[in-house]
Amino acid sequence: MMKHARAEERYEFNHIRRHADQARPAAMATALKAAEAVAPTHPHPGTESAARNMVPRAVAALVDRTRDAVRKAMGRDG
């Protein structure tokens, strides 16, 4: 995982900076934030395939965020 992250930072991000217009990274950041906003916050086995499991992932995300909010309100971290 860390090897992949280092490769992104070293090669892929530099390539984007060199070859994309200035609006592209901002658009990518917006898209990433939108994806994170609807993604589950905890792992859910069996929902690895995005194309096959969009509805279960969306429901899992809603359940996770509700559970996280309740735990936070109760003073628990997780």
N, C-alpha and C. Protein backbone atom coordinates (compact mmCIF):
# COMPACT_ATOMS: atom_id res chain seq x y z
N MET A 1 0.82 -1.19 0.00
CA MET A 1 0.00 0.00 0.00
C MET A 1 0.87 1.26 0.00
N MET A 2 1.86 1.31 0.86
CA MET A 2 2.73 2.48 0.92
C MET A 2 3.55 2.62 -0.35
N LYS A 3 3.95 1.50 -0.93
CA LYS A 3 4.71 1.54 -2.18
C LYS A 3 3.85 2.18 -3.28
N HIS A 4 2.59 1.81 -3.31
CA HIS A 4 1.67 2.38 -4.29
C HIS A 4 1.50 3.88 -4.05
N ALA A 5 1.34 4.30 -2.80
CA ALA A 5 1.17 5.72 -2.48
C ALA A 5 2.42 6.51 -2.87
N ARG A 6 3.59 5.96 -2.59
CA ARG A 6 4.84 6.66 -2.97
C ARG A 6 4.94 6.80 -4.48
N ALA A 7 4.56 5.75 -5.21
CA ALA A 7 4.61 5.81 -6.67
C ALA A 7 3.66 6.88 -7.20
N GLU A 8 2.47 6.97 -6.60
CA GLU A 8 1.54 8.03 -7.02
C GLU A 8 2.15 9.40 -6.81
N GLU A 9 2.69 9.63 -5.63
CA GLU A 9 3.25 10.94 -5.31
C GLU A 9 4.46 11.27 -6.18
N ARG A 10 5.27 10.28 -6.45
CA ARG A 10 6.52 10.52 -7.18
C ARG A 10 6.31 10.63 -8.69
N TYR A 11 5.48 9.77 -9.25
CA TYR A 11 5.36 9.71 -10.70
C TYR A 11 4.03 10.26 -11.23
N GLU A 12 2.94 9.73 -10.71
CA GLU A 12 1.63 10.07 -11.28
C GLU A 12 1.26 11.53 -11.02
N PHE A 13 1.43 12.00 -9.79
CA PHE A 13 1.07 13.39 -9.50
C PHE A 13 1.96 14.36 -10.26
N ASN A 14 3.25 14.04 -10.38
CA ASN A 14 4.14 14.90 -11.16
C ASN A 14 3.73 14.94 -12.63
N HIS A 15 3.34 13.79 -13.16
CA HIS A 15 2.87 13.73 -14.55
C HIS A 15 1.63 14.62 -14.73
N ILE A 16 0.71 14.54 -13.81
CA ILE A 16 -0.50 15.38 -13.90
C ILE A 16 -0.13 16.85 -13.83
N ARG A 17 0.76 17.21 -12.91
CA ARG A 17 1.18 18.62 -12.79
C ARG A 17 1.81 19.14 -14.08
N ARG A 18 2.61 18.30 -14.74
CA ARG A 18 3.29 18.72 -15.97
C ARG A 18 2.37 18.81 -17.17
N HIS A 19 1.40 17.90 -17.26
CA HIS A 19 0.63 17.76 -18.50
C HIS A 19 -0.82 18.22 -18.43
N ALA A 20 -1.33 18.52 -17.28
CA ALA A 20 -2.72 18.93 -17.17
C ALA A 20 -2.80 20.45 -16.98
N ASP A 21 -3.91 21.01 -17.41
CA ASP A 21 -4.10 22.44 -17.15
C ASP A 21 -4.35 22.64 -15.66
N GLN A 22 -4.27 23.85 -15.20
CA GLN A 22 -4.36 24.12 -13.76
C GLN A 22 -5.71 23.77 -13.17
N ALA A 23 -6.76 23.76 -13.95
CA ALA A 23 -8.09 23.44 -13.43
C ALA A 23 -8.25 21.94 -13.17
N ARG A 24 -7.47 21.12 -13.85
CA ARG A 24 -7.62 19.66 -13.72
C ARG A 24 -7.39 19.15 -12.29
N PRO A 25 -6.30 19.51 -11.62
CA PRO A 25 -6.12 19.02 -10.25
C PRO A 25 -7.24 19.48 -9.31
N ALA A 26 -7.74 20.68 -9.50
CA ALA A 26 -8.85 21.16 -8.67
C ALA A 26 -10.10 20.34 -8.93
N ALA A 27 -10.36 20.00 -10.17
CA ALA A 27 -11.51 19.16 -10.52
C ALA A 27 -11.36 17.76 -9.93
N MET A 28 -10.14 17.24 -9.98
CA MET A 28 -9.89 15.91 -9.41
C MET A 28 -10.09 15.93 -7.89
N ALA A 29 -9.67 17.00 -7.23
CA ALA A 29 -9.85 17.12 -5.79
C ALA A 29 -11.34 17.18 -5.43
N THR A 30 -12.10 17.91 -6.23
CA THR A 30 -13.55 17.99 -6.00
C THR A 30 -14.20 16.62 -6.17
N ALA A 31 -13.79 15.90 -7.21
CA ALA A 31 -14.34 14.57 -7.45
C ALA A 31 -13.98 13.62 -6.31
N LEU A 32 -12.75 13.71 -5.82
CA LEU A 32 -12.33 12.86 -4.71
C LEU A 32 -13.14 13.15 -3.45
N LYS A 33 -13.35 14.41 -3.15
CA LYS A 33 -14.14 14.78 -1.97
C LYS A 33 -15.58 14.27 -2.09
N ALA A 34 -16.13 14.34 -3.29
CA ALA A 34 -17.49 13.84 -3.50
C ALA A 34 -17.55 12.32 -3.31
N ALA A 35 -16.55 11.61 -3.81
CA ALA A 35 -16.51 10.15 -3.64
C ALA A 35 -16.35 9.78 -2.17
N GLU A 36 -15.48 10.51 -1.47
CA GLU A 36 -15.29 10.23 -0.04
C GLU A 36 -16.56 10.49 0.76
N ALA A 37 -17.34 11.46 0.35
CA ALA A 37 -18.56 11.82 1.08
C ALA A 37 -19.61 10.71 1.04
N VAL A 38 -19.59 9.87 0.01
CA VAL A 38 -20.59 8.81 -0.10
C VAL A 38 -20.01 7.42 0.09
N ALA A 39 -18.73 7.33 0.42
CA ALA A 39 -18.08 6.03 0.61
C ALA A 39 -18.28 5.54 2.04
N PRO A 40 -18.34 4.22 2.23
CA PRO A 40 -18.39 3.68 3.59
C PRO A 40 -17.15 4.11 4.37
N THR A 41 -17.29 4.22 5.69
CA THR A 41 -16.16 4.62 6.52
C THR A 41 -15.49 3.44 7.19
N HIS A 42 -16.06 2.24 7.02
CA HIS A 42 -15.51 1.01 7.60
C HIS A 42 -15.52 -0.07 6.52
N PRO A 43 -14.62 -1.06 6.59
CA PRO A 43 -14.62 -2.12 5.58
C PRO A 43 -15.87 -3.00 5.68
N HIS A 44 -16.38 -3.40 4.54
CA HIS A 44 -17.54 -4.28 4.46
C HIS A 44 -17.22 -5.40 3.49
N PRO A 45 -16.87 -6.59 3.99
CA PRO A 45 -16.56 -7.71 3.10
C PRO A 45 -17.72 -7.99 2.13
N GLY A 46 -17.36 -8.28 0.90
CA GLY A 46 -18.36 -8.60 -0.11
C GLY A 46 -18.80 -7.41 -0.94
N THR A 47 -18.27 -6.23 -0.67
CA THR A 47 -18.64 -5.05 -1.46
C THR A 47 -17.43 -4.50 -2.21
N GLU A 48 -16.52 -5.38 -2.59
CA GLU A 48 -15.30 -4.94 -3.26
C GLU A 48 -15.54 -4.48 -4.70
N SER A 49 -16.51 -5.02 -5.37
CA SER A 49 -16.77 -4.68 -6.77
C SER A 49 -17.71 -3.49 -6.86
N ALA A 50 -17.20 -2.36 -7.30
CA ALA A 50 -18.01 -1.14 -7.36
C ALA A 50 -19.19 -1.30 -8.33
N ALA A 51 -18.96 -1.87 -9.47
CA ALA A 51 -20.01 -1.98 -10.47
C ALA A 51 -21.15 -2.89 -10.00
N ARG A 52 -20.83 -3.94 -9.30
CA ARG A 52 -21.82 -4.92 -8.89
C ARG A 52 -22.53 -4.55 -7.59
N ASN A 53 -21.92 -3.68 -6.79
CA ASN A 53 -22.44 -3.46 -5.44
C ASN A 53 -22.69 -1.99 -5.11
N MET A 54 -23.13 -1.19 -6.05
CA MET A 54 -23.33 0.23 -5.78
C MET A 54 -24.38 0.47 -4.70
N VAL A 55 -25.50 -0.24 -4.76
CA VAL A 55 -26.55 -0.05 -3.76
C VAL A 55 -26.09 -0.51 -2.38
N PRO A 56 -25.53 -1.73 -2.24
CA PRO A 56 -25.07 -2.12 -0.90
C PRO A 56 -24.00 -1.17 -0.35
N ARG A 57 -23.12 -0.65 -1.20
CA ARG A 57 -22.09 0.28 -0.73
C ARG A 57 -22.72 1.58 -0.25
N ALA A 58 -23.72 2.05 -0.97
CA ALA A 58 -24.38 3.30 -0.56
C ALA A 58 -25.10 3.11 0.77
N VAL A 59 -25.76 1.98 0.94
CA VAL A 59 -26.44 1.69 2.21
C VAL A 59 -25.41 1.54 3.32
N ALA A 60 -24.31 0.84 3.04
CA ALA A 60 -23.25 0.68 4.05
C ALA A 60 -22.68 2.03 4.45
N ALA A 61 -22.50 2.93 3.49
CA ALA A 61 -21.99 4.26 3.80
C ALA A 61 -22.95 5.01 4.72
N LEU A 62 -24.23 4.93 4.43
CA LEU A 62 -25.23 5.60 5.26
C LEU A 62 -25.23 5.02 6.68
N VAL A 63 -25.19 3.71 6.78
CA VAL A 63 -25.16 3.06 8.10
C VAL A 63 -23.89 3.45 8.85
N ASP A 64 -22.75 3.42 8.16
CA ASP A 64 -21.49 3.77 8.80
C ASP A 64 -21.52 5.20 9.33
N ARG A 65 -21.97 6.12 8.52
CA ARG A 65 -21.96 7.53 8.93
C ARG A 65 -22.94 7.78 10.08
N THR A 66 -24.06 7.07 10.06
CA THR A 66 -25.01 7.19 11.17
C THR A 66 -24.40 6.63 12.45
N ARG A 67 -23.80 5.46 12.34
CA ARG A 67 -23.15 4.84 13.49
C ARG A 67 -22.01 5.73 14.02
N ASP A 68 -21.21 6.29 13.13
CA ASP A 68 -20.12 7.18 13.54
C ASP A 68 -20.66 8.40 14.28
N ALA A 69 -21.75 8.97 13.77
CA ALA A 69 -22.33 10.16 14.41
C ALA A 69 -22.88 9.84 15.79
N VAL A 70 -23.54 8.68 15.93
CA VAL A 70 -24.08 8.27 17.23
C VAL A 70 -22.94 8.04 18.21
N ARG A 71 -21.91 7.34 17.77
CA ARG A 71 -20.77 7.10 18.66
C ARG A 71 -20.09 8.40 19.07
N LYS A 72 -19.97 9.32 18.15
CA LYS A 72 -19.37 10.61 18.47
C LYS A 72 -20.22 11.36 19.49
N ALA A 73 -21.54 11.32 19.29
CA ALA A 73 -22.46 12.00 20.22
C ALA A 73 -22.39 11.37 21.62
N MET A 74 -22.11 10.07 21.67
CA MET A 74 -22.03 9.38 22.95
C MET A 74 -20.64 9.49 23.57
N GLY A 75 -19.72 10.14 22.86
CA GLY A 75 -18.37 10.33 23.38
C GLY A 75 -17.44 9.16 23.15
N ARG A 76 -17.78 8.31 22.20
CA ARG A 76 -16.92 7.16 21.87
C ARG A 76 -16.29 7.40 20.51
N ASP A 77 -15.06 6.90 20.34
CA ASP A 77 -14.35 7.10 19.08
C ASP A 77 -14.68 6.04 18.03
N GLY A 78 -15.06 4.89 18.40
CA GLY A 78 -15.30 3.99 17.33
C GLY A 78 -15.50 2.61 17.64
